Amino acid sequence: MITFKQYLRQSATCKIFNAFYKQFVDFVSTLGAIVANGFTTLKYICLGHIDRKELMDQCVRFGISSLPITLSIVGMTSIIVTSQVASEMVKQGGGNFVGLLVSILIVREVGAVMSGFAIISMIGSSLASELATMRVTEQIDAITVLKVNPIRYLFVPRVLSGIIMMPILVIIASAFGVLTGAVTTAMTTELGYRAYFDSAWLGIYMKDLGVCLLKSVAFGGTIALVSCSCGYEASGGAKGVGLATNKAVVWSLVAIVIWDLIFSITFFF
């Protein structure tokens, strides 16, 4: 005879509740691990415990290797937006403001956000899978046995490379996006390059550039920290590597959107 307790455990309501509870526990534990690893990484950075050779290797990986895909994504986004906006603004008599609108959009949002998405897809997933593989193959345990702090050895150069290289990537990508917008405007409307750039300079202020750089620093550090943390906490063999990589991408995307919202509310509301 099935008791009420057994019936309750087999019910759809209980299964849904357990699923939500499991997701909530996983969310809290992942967030706690990211915060704890972040504070430990920041402590080692402030103390100057940095492997410079490993830092240079990670900077090359974070910056140079990801530059083509970053420029491609930002450039195509600029072409898509400009091709739809420029012709309509010219029809409505606002042709003199095309460069202003496109430059503000690129510098404030598209350059940093799309660069962040590109970095997540290429570098973030790579960092997570690398550390997850090290975890499930017990390489991190071996590092700990050798009395080397894995946070200092694995996290510090990767997070610091994200903080250093992300602003450089965003500057290059934003400049490329503005130039791509100029070419698209010249090809789709009767406006020339001079009219585009004359209005573009009117819309870019030092505040916009400063917020863009500050945002890119937050993006780079967050992507590297979240990806490393998700990989570091992996378990369960090959399946665990895949789950950790998936979690790193999802959490990084959500973190980027949250950071972007915070910066928008803080500086532009």
C-alpha atoms as a PDB file:
ATOM      1  CA  MET A   1       0.000   0.000   0.000  1.00  0.00           C
ATOM      2  CA  ILE A   2       1.380   3.386  -1.041  1.00  0.00           C
ATOM      3  CA  THR A   3       1.603   5.799   1.845  1.00  0.00           C
ATOM      4  CA  PHE A   4       0.825   9.474   1.544  1.00  0.00           C
ATOM      5  CA  LYS A   5       4.517  10.342   1.831  1.00  0.00           C
ATOM      6  CA  GLN A   6       5.438   8.005  -1.031  1.00  0.00           C
ATOM      7  CA  TYR A   7       2.560   9.342  -3.137  1.00  0.00           C
ATOM      8  CA  LEU A   8       3.728  12.894  -2.489  1.00  0.00           C
ATOM      9  CA  ARG A   9       7.286  12.078  -3.566  1.00  0.00           C
ATOM     10  CA  GLN A  10       6.025  10.583  -6.830  1.00  0.00           C
ATOM     11  CA  SER A  11       3.716  13.502  -7.631  1.00  0.00           C
ATOM     12  CA  ALA A  12       4.472  16.030 -10.375  1.00  0.00           C
ATOM     13  CA  THR A  13       4.359  18.874  -7.860  1.00  0.00           C
ATOM     14  CA  CYS A  14       7.105  17.319  -5.759  1.00  0.00           C
ATOM     15  CA  LYS A  15       9.252  16.633  -8.821  1.00  0.00           C
ATOM     16  CA  ILE A  16       8.887  20.234 -10.002  1.00  0.00           C
ATOM     17  CA  PHE A  17       9.717  21.524  -6.531  1.00  0.00           C
ATOM     18  CA  ASN A  18      12.802  19.304  -6.322  1.00  0.00           C
ATOM     19  CA  ALA A  19      13.949  20.492  -9.734  1.00  0.00           C
ATOM     20  CA  PHE A  20      13.609  24.139  -8.734  1.00  0.00           C
ATOM     21  CA  TYR A  21      15.289  23.445  -5.388  1.00  0.00           C
ATOM     22  CA  LYS A  22      18.204  21.734  -7.115  1.00  0.00           C
ATOM     23  CA  GLN A  23      18.592  24.657  -9.515  1.00  0.00           C
ATOM     24  CA  PHE A  24      18.465  27.135  -6.617  1.00  0.00           C
ATOM     25  CA  VAL A  25      21.121  25.251  -4.643  1.00  0.00           C
ATOM     26  CA  ASP A  26      23.314  25.048  -7.750  1.00  0.00           C
ATOM     27  CA  PHE A  27      22.861  28.786  -8.344  1.00  0.00           C
ATOM     28  CA  VAL A  28      23.804  29.706  -4.781  1.00  0.00           C
ATOM     29  CA  SER A  29      26.803  27.367  -4.683  1.00  0.00           C
ATOM     30  CA  THR A  30      28.095  28.585  -8.061  1.00  0.00           C
ATOM     31  CA  LEU A  31      27.664  32.227  -7.089  1.00  0.00           C
ATOM     32  CA  GLY A  32      29.412  31.613  -3.777  1.00  0.00           C
ATOM     33  CA  ALA A  33      32.315  29.860  -5.504  1.00  0.00           C
ATOM     34  CA  ILE A  34      32.693  32.717  -8.011  1.00  0.00           C
ATOM     35  CA  VAL A  35      32.705  35.353  -5.257  1.00  0.00           C
ATOM     36  CA  ALA A  36      35.142  33.401  -3.070  1.00  0.00           C
ATOM     37  CA  ASN A  37      37.503  32.738  -5.979  1.00  0.00           C
ATOM     38  CA  GLY A  38      37.241  36.387  -6.999  1.00  0.00           C
ATOM     39  CA  PHE A  39      38.315  37.655  -3.592  1.00  0.00           C
ATOM     40  CA  THR A  40      41.194  35.176  -3.436  1.00  0.00           C
ATOM     41  CA  THR A  41      42.337  36.124  -6.942  1.00  0.00           C
ATOM     42  CA  LEU A  42      42.149  39.818  -6.092  1.00  0.00           C
ATOM     43  CA  LYS A  43      44.220  39.223  -2.969  1.00  0.00           C
ATOM     44  CA  TYR A  44      47.030  37.592  -4.945  1.00  0.00           C
ATOM     45  CA  ILE A  45      46.916  40.324  -7.593  1.00  0.00           C
ATOM     46  CA  CYS A  46      47.177  43.047  -4.937  1.00  0.00           C
ATOM     47  CA  LEU A  47      50.079  41.203  -3.297  1.00  0.00           C
ATOM     48  CA  GLY A  48      51.876  40.993  -6.646  1.00  0.00           C
ATOM     49  CA  HIS A  49      51.977  37.190  -6.747  1.00  0.00           C
ATOM     50  CA  ILE A  50      51.874  37.032 -10.552  1.00  0.00           C
ATOM     51  CA  ASP A  51      53.607  34.654 -12.926  1.00  0.00           C
ATOM     52  CA  ARG A  52      54.642  37.114 -15.648  1.00  0.00           C
ATOM     53  CA  LYS A  53      55.419  34.480 -18.273  1.00  0.00           C
ATOM     54  CA  GLU A  54      52.054  32.807 -17.835  1.00  0.00           C
ATOM     55  CA  LEU A  55      50.397  36.230 -17.825  1.00  0.00           C
ATOM     56  CA  MET A  56      51.966  37.090 -21.190  1.00  0.00           C
ATOM     57  CA  ASP A  57      50.844  33.752 -22.644  1.00  0.00           C
ATOM     58  CA  GLN A  58      47.295  34.341 -21.468  1.00  0.00           C
ATOM     59  CA  CYS A  59      47.309  37.926 -22.784  1.00  0.00           C
ATOM     60  CA  VAL A  60      48.284  36.635 -26.224  1.00  0.00           C
ATOM     61  CA  ARG A  61      45.533  34.051 -26.007  1.00  0.00           C
ATOM     62  CA  PHE A  62      42.940  36.509 -24.721  1.00  0.00           C
ATOM     63  CA  GLY A  63      43.789  39.386 -27.036  1.00  0.00           C
ATOM     64  CA  ILE A  64      45.474  38.400 -30.276  1.00  0.00           C
ATOM     65  CA  SER A  65      43.775  35.032 -30.806  1.00  0.00           C
ATOM     66  CA  SER A  66      40.292  36.489 -30.317  1.00  0.00           C
ATOM     67  CA  LEU A  67      40.803  39.677 -32.341  1.00  0.00           C
ATOM     68  CA  PRO A  68      39.559  38.370 -35.738  1.00  0.00           C
ATOM     69  CA  ILE A  69      36.262  37.009 -34.410  1.00  0.00           C
ATOM     70  CA  THR A  70      35.746  40.129 -32.295  1.00  0.00           C
ATOM     71  CA  LEU A  71      36.249  42.469 -35.251  1.00  0.00           C
ATOM     72  CA  SER A  72      34.002  40.304 -37.395  1.00  0.00           C
ATOM     73  CA  ILE A  73      31.102  40.368 -34.938  1.00  0.00           C
ATOM     74  CA  VAL A  74      31.358  44.099 -34.161  1.00  0.00           C
ATOM     75  CA  GLY A  75      31.847  44.980 -37.818  1.00  0.00           C
ATOM     76  CA  MET A  76      28.844  42.954 -39.009  1.00  0.00           C
ATOM     77  CA  THR A  77      26.686  44.390 -36.244  1.00  0.00           C
ATOM     78  CA  SER A  78      27.702  47.899 -37.288  1.00  0.00           C
ATOM     79  CA  ILE A  79      26.857  47.126 -40.928  1.00  0.00           C
ATOM     80  CA  ILE A  80      23.447  45.711 -39.990  1.00  0.00           C
ATOM     81  CA  VAL A  81      22.507  48.671 -37.794  1.00  0.00           C
ATOM     82  CA  THR A  82      23.885  51.360 -40.102  1.00  0.00           C
ATOM     83  CA  SER A  83      22.308  49.928 -43.252  1.00  0.00           C
ATOM     84  CA  GLN A  84      18.875  50.059 -41.620  1.00  0.00           C
ATOM     85  CA  VAL A  85      19.224  53.366 -39.792  1.00  0.00           C
ATOM     86  CA  ALA A  86      21.156  55.560 -42.240  1.00  0.00           C
ATOM     87  CA  SER A  87      18.752  55.444 -45.167  1.00  0.00           C
ATOM     88  CA  GLU A  88      15.722  56.065 -42.949  1.00  0.00           C
ATOM     89  CA  MET A  89      17.371  59.044 -41.251  1.00  0.00           C
ATOM     90  CA  VAL A  90      18.278  60.537 -44.628  1.00  0.00           C
ATOM     91  CA  LYS A  91      14.672  60.155 -45.780  1.00  0.00           C
ATOM     92  CA  GLN A  92      13.459  61.950 -42.657  1.00  0.00           C
ATOM     93  CA  GLY A  93      15.964  64.776 -43.050  1.00  0.00           C
ATOM     94  CA  GLY A  94      18.316  63.615 -40.312  1.00  0.00           C
ATOM     95  CA  GLY A  95      21.267  62.681 -42.486  1.00  0.00           C
ATOM     96  CA  ASN A  96      23.595  64.999 -40.598  1.00  0.00           C
ATOM     97  CA  PHE A  97      23.075  62.936 -37.446  1.00  0.00           C
ATOM     98  CA  VAL A  98      23.805  59.460 -38.843  1.00  0.00           C
ATOM     99  CA  GLY A  99      27.435  59.484 -37.719  1.00  0.00           C
ATOM    100  CA  LEU A 100      26.447  60.776 -34.287  1.00  0.00           C
ATOM    101  CA  LEU A 101      23.884  58.027 -33.751  1.00  0.00           C
ATOM    102  CA  VAL A 102      26.089  55.211 -35.005  1.00  0.00           C
ATOM    103  CA  SER A 103      29.157  56.341 -33.046  1.00  0.00           C
ATOM    104  CA  ILE A 104      27.195  56.655 -29.801  1.00  0.00           C
ATOM    105  CA  LEU A 105      25.688  53.211 -30.327  1.00  0.00           C
ATOM    106  CA  ILE A 106      29.057  51.619 -31.087  1.00  0.00           C
ATOM    107  CA  VAL A 107      31.038  53.308 -28.313  1.00  0.00           C
ATOM    108  CA  ARG A 108      28.430  52.967 -25.574  1.00  0.00           C
ATOM    109  CA  GLU A 109      27.024  49.517 -26.284  1.00  0.00           C
ATOM    110  CA  VAL A 110      27.907  47.515 -29.382  1.00  0.00           C
ATOM    111  CA  GLY A 111      31.696  47.684 -29.084  1.00  0.00           C
ATOM    112  CA  ALA A 112      31.872  46.419 -25.506  1.00  0.00           C
ATOM    113  CA  VAL A 113      28.879  44.075 -25.451  1.00  0.00           C
ATOM    114  CA  MET A 114      29.529  42.344 -28.773  1.00  0.00           C
ATOM    115  CA  SER A 115      33.219  42.043 -27.938  1.00  0.00           C
ATOM    116  CA  GLY A 116      32.183  40.434 -24.656  1.00  0.00           C
ATOM    117  CA  PHE A 117      29.962  37.936 -26.459  1.00  0.00           C
ATOM    118  CA  ALA A 118      32.802  37.106 -28.856  1.00  0.00           C
ATOM    119  CA  ILE A 119      35.230  36.590 -25.960  1.00  0.00           C
ATOM    120  CA  ILE A 120      32.736  34.356 -24.137  1.00  0.00           C
ATOM    121  CA  SER A 121      32.191  32.154 -27.178  1.00  0.00           C
ATOM    122  CA  MET A 122      35.893  31.727 -27.919  1.00  0.00           C
ATOM    123  CA  ILE A 123      37.969  32.345 -24.787  1.00  0.00           C
ATOM    124  CA  GLY A 124      35.496  31.828 -21.945  1.00  0.00           C
ATOM    125  CA  SER A 125      34.412  28.386 -23.126  1.00  0.00           C
ATOM    126  CA  SER A 126      38.069  27.467 -23.690  1.00  0.00           C
ATOM    127  CA  LEU A 127      39.071  28.503 -20.171  1.00  0.00           C
ATOM    128  CA  ALA A 128      36.196  26.571 -18.620  1.00  0.00           C
ATOM    129  CA  SER A 129      36.855  23.371 -20.566  1.00  0.00           C
ATOM    130  CA  GLU A 130      40.593  23.597 -19.846  1.00  0.00           C
ATOM    131  CA  LEU A 131      40.184  23.893 -16.081  1.00  0.00           C
ATOM    132  CA  ALA A 132      37.343  21.360 -16.037  1.00  0.00           C
ATOM    133  CA  THR A 133      39.568  18.824 -17.807  1.00  0.00           C
ATOM    134  CA  MET A 134      42.320  19.513 -15.298  1.00  0.00           C
ATOM    135  CA  ARG A 135      39.841  18.967 -12.468  1.00  0.00           C
ATOM    136  CA  VAL A 136      38.361  15.665 -13.680  1.00  0.00           C
ATOM    137  CA  THR A 137      41.804  14.280 -14.573  1.00  0.00           C
ATOM    138  CA  GLU A 138      43.034  15.241 -11.067  1.00  0.00           C
ATOM    139  CA  GLN A 139      45.714  17.621 -12.332  1.00  0.00           C
ATOM    140  CA  ILE A 140      44.460  20.317  -9.958  1.00  0.00           C
ATOM    141  CA  ASP A 141      44.714  17.843  -7.077  1.00  0.00           C
ATOM    142  CA  ALA A 142      48.318  17.188  -8.113  1.00  0.00           C
ATOM    143  CA  ILE A 143      49.022  20.925  -8.086  1.00  0.00           C
ATOM    144  CA  THR A 144      47.600  21.137  -4.567  1.00  0.00           C
ATOM    145  CA  VAL A 145      49.723  18.180  -3.415  1.00  0.00           C
ATOM    146  CA  LEU A 146      52.801  20.043  -4.656  1.00  0.00           C
ATOM    147  CA  LYS A 147      51.793  22.872  -2.283  1.00  0.00           C
ATOM    148  CA  VAL A 148      51.014  25.279  -5.126  1.00  0.00           C
ATOM    149  CA  ASN A 149      47.841  27.290  -4.652  1.00  0.00           C
ATOM    150  CA  PRO A 150      45.655  26.524  -7.700  1.00  0.00           C
ATOM    151  CA  ILE A 151      43.902  29.901  -7.492  1.00  0.00           C
ATOM    152  CA  ARG A 152      47.223  31.709  -7.718  1.00  0.00           C
ATOM    153  CA  TYR A 153      48.572  29.411 -10.435  1.00  0.00           C
ATOM    154  CA  LEU A 154      45.431  29.108 -12.610  1.00  0.00           C
ATOM    155  CA  PHE A 155      43.159  32.056 -11.875  1.00  0.00           C
ATOM    156  CA  VAL A 156      45.471  35.050 -11.441  1.00  0.00           C
ATOM    157  CA  PRO A 157      47.098  35.126 -14.915  1.00  0.00           C
ATOM    158  CA  ARG A 158      43.799  34.388 -16.685  1.00  0.00           C
ATOM    159  CA  VAL A 159      41.716  36.947 -14.821  1.00  0.00           C
ATOM    160  CA  LEU A 160      44.432  39.583 -15.029  1.00  0.00           C
ATOM    161  CA  SER A 161      44.835  38.991 -18.774  1.00  0.00           C
ATOM    162  CA  GLY A 162      41.107  39.587 -19.197  1.00  0.00           C
ATOM    163  CA  ILE A 163      41.314  42.840 -17.255  1.00  0.00           C
ATOM    164  CA  ILE A 164      44.303  44.037 -19.284  1.00  0.00           C
ATOM    165  CA  MET A 165      43.373  42.895 -22.780  1.00  0.00           C
ATOM    166  CA  MET A 166      39.624  43.481 -22.873  1.00  0.00           C
ATOM    167  CA  PRO A 167      39.887  47.314 -22.976  1.00  0.00           C
ATOM    168  CA  ILE A 168      42.399  47.071 -25.838  1.00  0.00           C
ATOM    169  CA  LEU A 169      40.077  44.747 -27.755  1.00  0.00           C
ATOM    170  CA  VAL A 170      37.093  47.030 -27.170  1.00  0.00           C
ATOM    171  CA  ILE A 171      38.987  50.135 -28.357  1.00  0.00           C
ATOM    172  CA  ILE A 172      40.071  48.406 -31.564  1.00  0.00           C
ATOM    173  CA  ALA A 173      36.632  46.869 -32.138  1.00  0.00           C
ATOM    174  CA  SER A 174      34.813  50.161 -31.488  1.00  0.00           C
ATOM    175  CA  ALA A 175      37.081  52.055 -33.896  1.00  0.00           C
ATOM    176  CA  PHE A 176      36.530  49.343 -36.482  1.00  0.00           C
ATOM    177  CA  GLY A 177      32.775  49.526 -35.945  1.00  0.00           C
ATOM    178  CA  VAL A 178      32.707  53.302 -36.442  1.00  0.00           C
ATOM    179  CA  LEU A 179      34.782  52.990 -39.631  1.00  0.00           C
ATOM    180  CA  THR A 180      32.545  50.191 -40.899  1.00  0.00           C
ATOM    181  CA  GLY A 181      29.531  52.393 -40.241  1.00  0.00           C
ATOM    182  CA  ALA A 182      31.120  55.170 -42.299  1.00  0.00           C
ATOM    183  CA  VAL A 183      31.715  52.850 -45.256  1.00  0.00           C
ATOM    184  CA  THR A 184      28.182  51.459 -45.026  1.00  0.00           C
ATOM    185  CA  THR A 185      26.688  54.960 -44.861  1.00  0.00           C
ATOM    186  CA  ALA A 186      28.658  56.080 -47.924  1.00  0.00           C
ATOM    187  CA  MET A 187      27.554  52.995 -49.863  1.00  0.00           C
ATOM    188  CA  THR A 188      23.844  53.092 -48.966  1.00  0.00           C
ATOM    189  CA  THR A 189      23.186  56.870 -48.956  1.00  0.00           C
ATOM    190  CA  GLU A 190      24.392  59.995 -50.682  1.00  0.00           C
ATOM    191  CA  LEU A 191      26.195  61.130 -47.549  1.00  0.00           C
ATOM    192  CA  GLY A 192      29.984  61.358 -47.769  1.00  0.00           C
ATOM    193  CA  TYR A 193      32.628  60.359 -45.290  1.00  0.00           C
ATOM    194  CA  ARG A 194      33.163  63.936 -44.149  1.00  0.00           C
ATOM    195  CA  ALA A 195      29.501  64.444 -43.209  1.00  0.00           C
ATOM    196  CA  TYR A 196      29.562  61.168 -41.297  1.00  0.00           C
ATOM    197  CA  PHE A 197      32.695  61.930 -39.284  1.00  0.00           C
ATOM    198  CA  ASP A 198      31.731  65.564 -38.671  1.00  0.00           C
ATOM    199  CA  SER A 199      28.599  64.378 -36.896  1.00  0.00           C
ATOM    200  CA  ALA A 200      30.352  61.419 -35.273  1.00  0.00           C
ATOM    201  CA  TRP A 201      32.734  63.671 -33.323  1.00  0.00           C
ATOM    202  CA  LEU A 202      29.762  65.647 -32.006  1.00  0.00           C
ATOM    203  CA  GLY A 203      28.323  62.590 -30.263  1.00  0.00           C
ATOM    204  CA  ILE A 204      31.434  61.151 -28.574  1.00  0.00           C
ATOM    205  CA  TYR A 205      32.434  62.612 -25.207  1.00  0.00           C
ATOM    206  CA  MET A 206      35.198  61.677 -22.802  1.00  0.00           C
ATOM    207  CA  LYS A 207      32.538  60.334 -20.450  1.00  0.00           C
ATOM    208  CA  ASP A 208      31.443  57.825 -23.094  1.00  0.00           C
ATOM    209  CA  LEU A 209      35.022  56.669 -23.667  1.00  0.00           C
ATOM    210  CA  GLY A 210      35.693  56.405 -19.936  1.00  0.00           C
ATOM    211  CA  VAL A 211      32.539  54.376 -19.285  1.00  0.00           C
ATOM    212  CA  CYS A 212      33.356  52.143 -22.260  1.00  0.00           C
ATOM    213  CA  LEU A 213      36.833  51.386 -20.893  1.00  0.00           C
ATOM    214  CA  LEU A 214      35.550  50.845 -17.355  1.00  0.00           C
ATOM    215  CA  LYS A 215      32.843  48.547 -18.663  1.00  0.00           C
ATOM    216  CA  SER A 216      35.360  46.562 -20.693  1.00  0.00           C
ATOM    217  CA  VAL A 217      37.557  46.056 -17.619  1.00  0.00           C
ATOM    218  CA  ALA A 218      34.559  44.670 -15.713  1.00  0.00           C
ATOM    219  CA  PHE A 219      33.577  42.484 -18.660  1.00  0.00           C
ATOM    220  CA  GLY A 220      37.050  41.021 -19.147  1.00  0.00           C
ATOM    221  CA  GLY A 221      37.626  40.220 -15.495  1.00  0.00           C
ATOM    222  CA  THR A 222      34.141  38.775 -15.056  1.00  0.00           C
ATOM    223  CA  ILE A 223      34.326  36.517 -18.117  1.00  0.00           C
ATOM    224  CA  ALA A 224      37.675  35.082 -17.056  1.00  0.00           C
ATOM    225  CA  LEU A 225      36.644  34.678 -13.403  1.00  0.00           C
ATOM    226  CA  VAL A 226      33.289  33.038 -14.154  1.00  0.00           C
ATOM    227  CA  SER A 227      34.761  30.700 -16.772  1.00  0.00           C
ATOM    228  CA  CYS A 228      37.637  29.625 -14.533  1.00  0.00           C
ATOM    229  CA  SER A 229      35.343  29.135 -11.533  1.00  0.00           C
ATOM    230  CA  CYS A 230      32.860  26.980 -13.458  1.00  0.00           C
ATOM    231  CA  GLY A 231      35.685  24.839 -14.813  1.00  0.00           C
ATOM    232  CA  TYR A 232      37.377  24.652 -11.417  1.00  0.00           C
ATOM    233  CA  GLU A 233      34.225  23.266  -9.757  1.00  0.00           C
ATOM    234  CA  ALA A 234      33.615  20.606 -12.438  1.00  0.00           C
ATOM    235  CA  SER A 235      33.107  16.936 -11.606  1.00  0.00           C
ATOM    236  CA  GLY A 236      31.902  13.752 -13.229  1.00  0.00           C
ATOM    237  CA  GLY A 237      34.257  13.017 -16.098  1.00  0.00           C
ATOM    238  CA  ALA A 238      33.629  14.058 -19.693  1.00  0.00           C
ATOM    239  CA  LYS A 239      29.991  14.901 -18.977  1.00  0.00           C
ATOM    240  CA  GLY A 240      31.110  17.220 -16.201  1.00  0.00           C
ATOM    241  CA  VAL A 241      33.452  19.039 -18.594  1.00  0.00           C
ATOM    242  CA  GLY A 242      30.569  19.672 -20.973  1.00  0.00           C
ATOM    243  CA  LEU A 243      28.266  20.853 -18.185  1.00  0.00           C
ATOM    244  CA  ALA A 244      30.949  23.151 -16.778  1.00  0.00           C
ATOM    245  CA  THR A 245      31.595  24.705 -20.198  1.00  0.00           C
ATOM    246  CA  ASN A 246      27.882  25.217 -20.763  1.00  0.00           C
ATOM    247  CA  LYS A 247      27.475  26.758 -17.319  1.00  0.00           C
ATOM    248  CA  ALA A 248      30.434  29.096 -17.911  1.00  0.00           C
ATOM    249  CA  VAL A 249      28.958  30.420 -21.156  1.00  0.00           C
ATOM    250  CA  VAL A 250      25.480  30.936 -19.687  1.00  0.00           C
ATOM    251  CA  TRP A 251      26.719  32.584 -16.493  1.00  0.00           C
ATOM    252  CA  SER A 252      29.117  34.828 -18.417  1.00  0.00           C
ATOM    253  CA  LEU A 253      26.360  36.009 -20.765  1.00  0.00           C
ATOM    254  CA  VAL A 254      24.067  36.774 -17.844  1.00  0.00           C
ATOM    255  CA  ALA A 255      26.882  38.562 -15.988  1.00  0.00           C
ATOM    256  CA  ILE A 256      27.646  40.714 -19.043  1.00  0.00           C
ATOM    257  CA  VAL A 257      24.020  41.790 -19.353  1.00  0.00           C
ATOM    258  CA  ILE A 258      23.807  42.578 -15.628  1.00  0.00           C
ATOM    259  CA  TRP A 259      27.032  44.622 -15.744  1.00  0.00           C
ATOM    260  CA  ASP A 260      25.738  46.495 -18.781  1.00  0.00           C
ATOM    261  CA  LEU A 261      22.496  47.307 -16.975  1.00  0.00           C
ATOM    262  CA  ILE A 262      24.397  48.526 -13.911  1.00  0.00           C
ATOM    263  CA  PHE A 263      26.627  50.826 -15.982  1.00  0.00           C
ATOM    264  CA  SER A 264      23.673  52.173 -17.953  1.00  0.00           C
ATOM    265  CA  ILE A 265      21.712  52.997 -14.820  1.00  0.00           C
ATOM    266  CA  THR A 266      24.746  54.481 -13.078  1.00  0.00           C
ATOM    267  CA  PHE A 267      26.072  56.728 -15.836  1.00  0.00           C
ATOM    268  CA  PHE A 268      23.287  57.404 -18.347  1.00  0.00           C
ATOM    269  CA  PHE A 269      19.996  57.552 -16.403  1.00  0.00           C
END
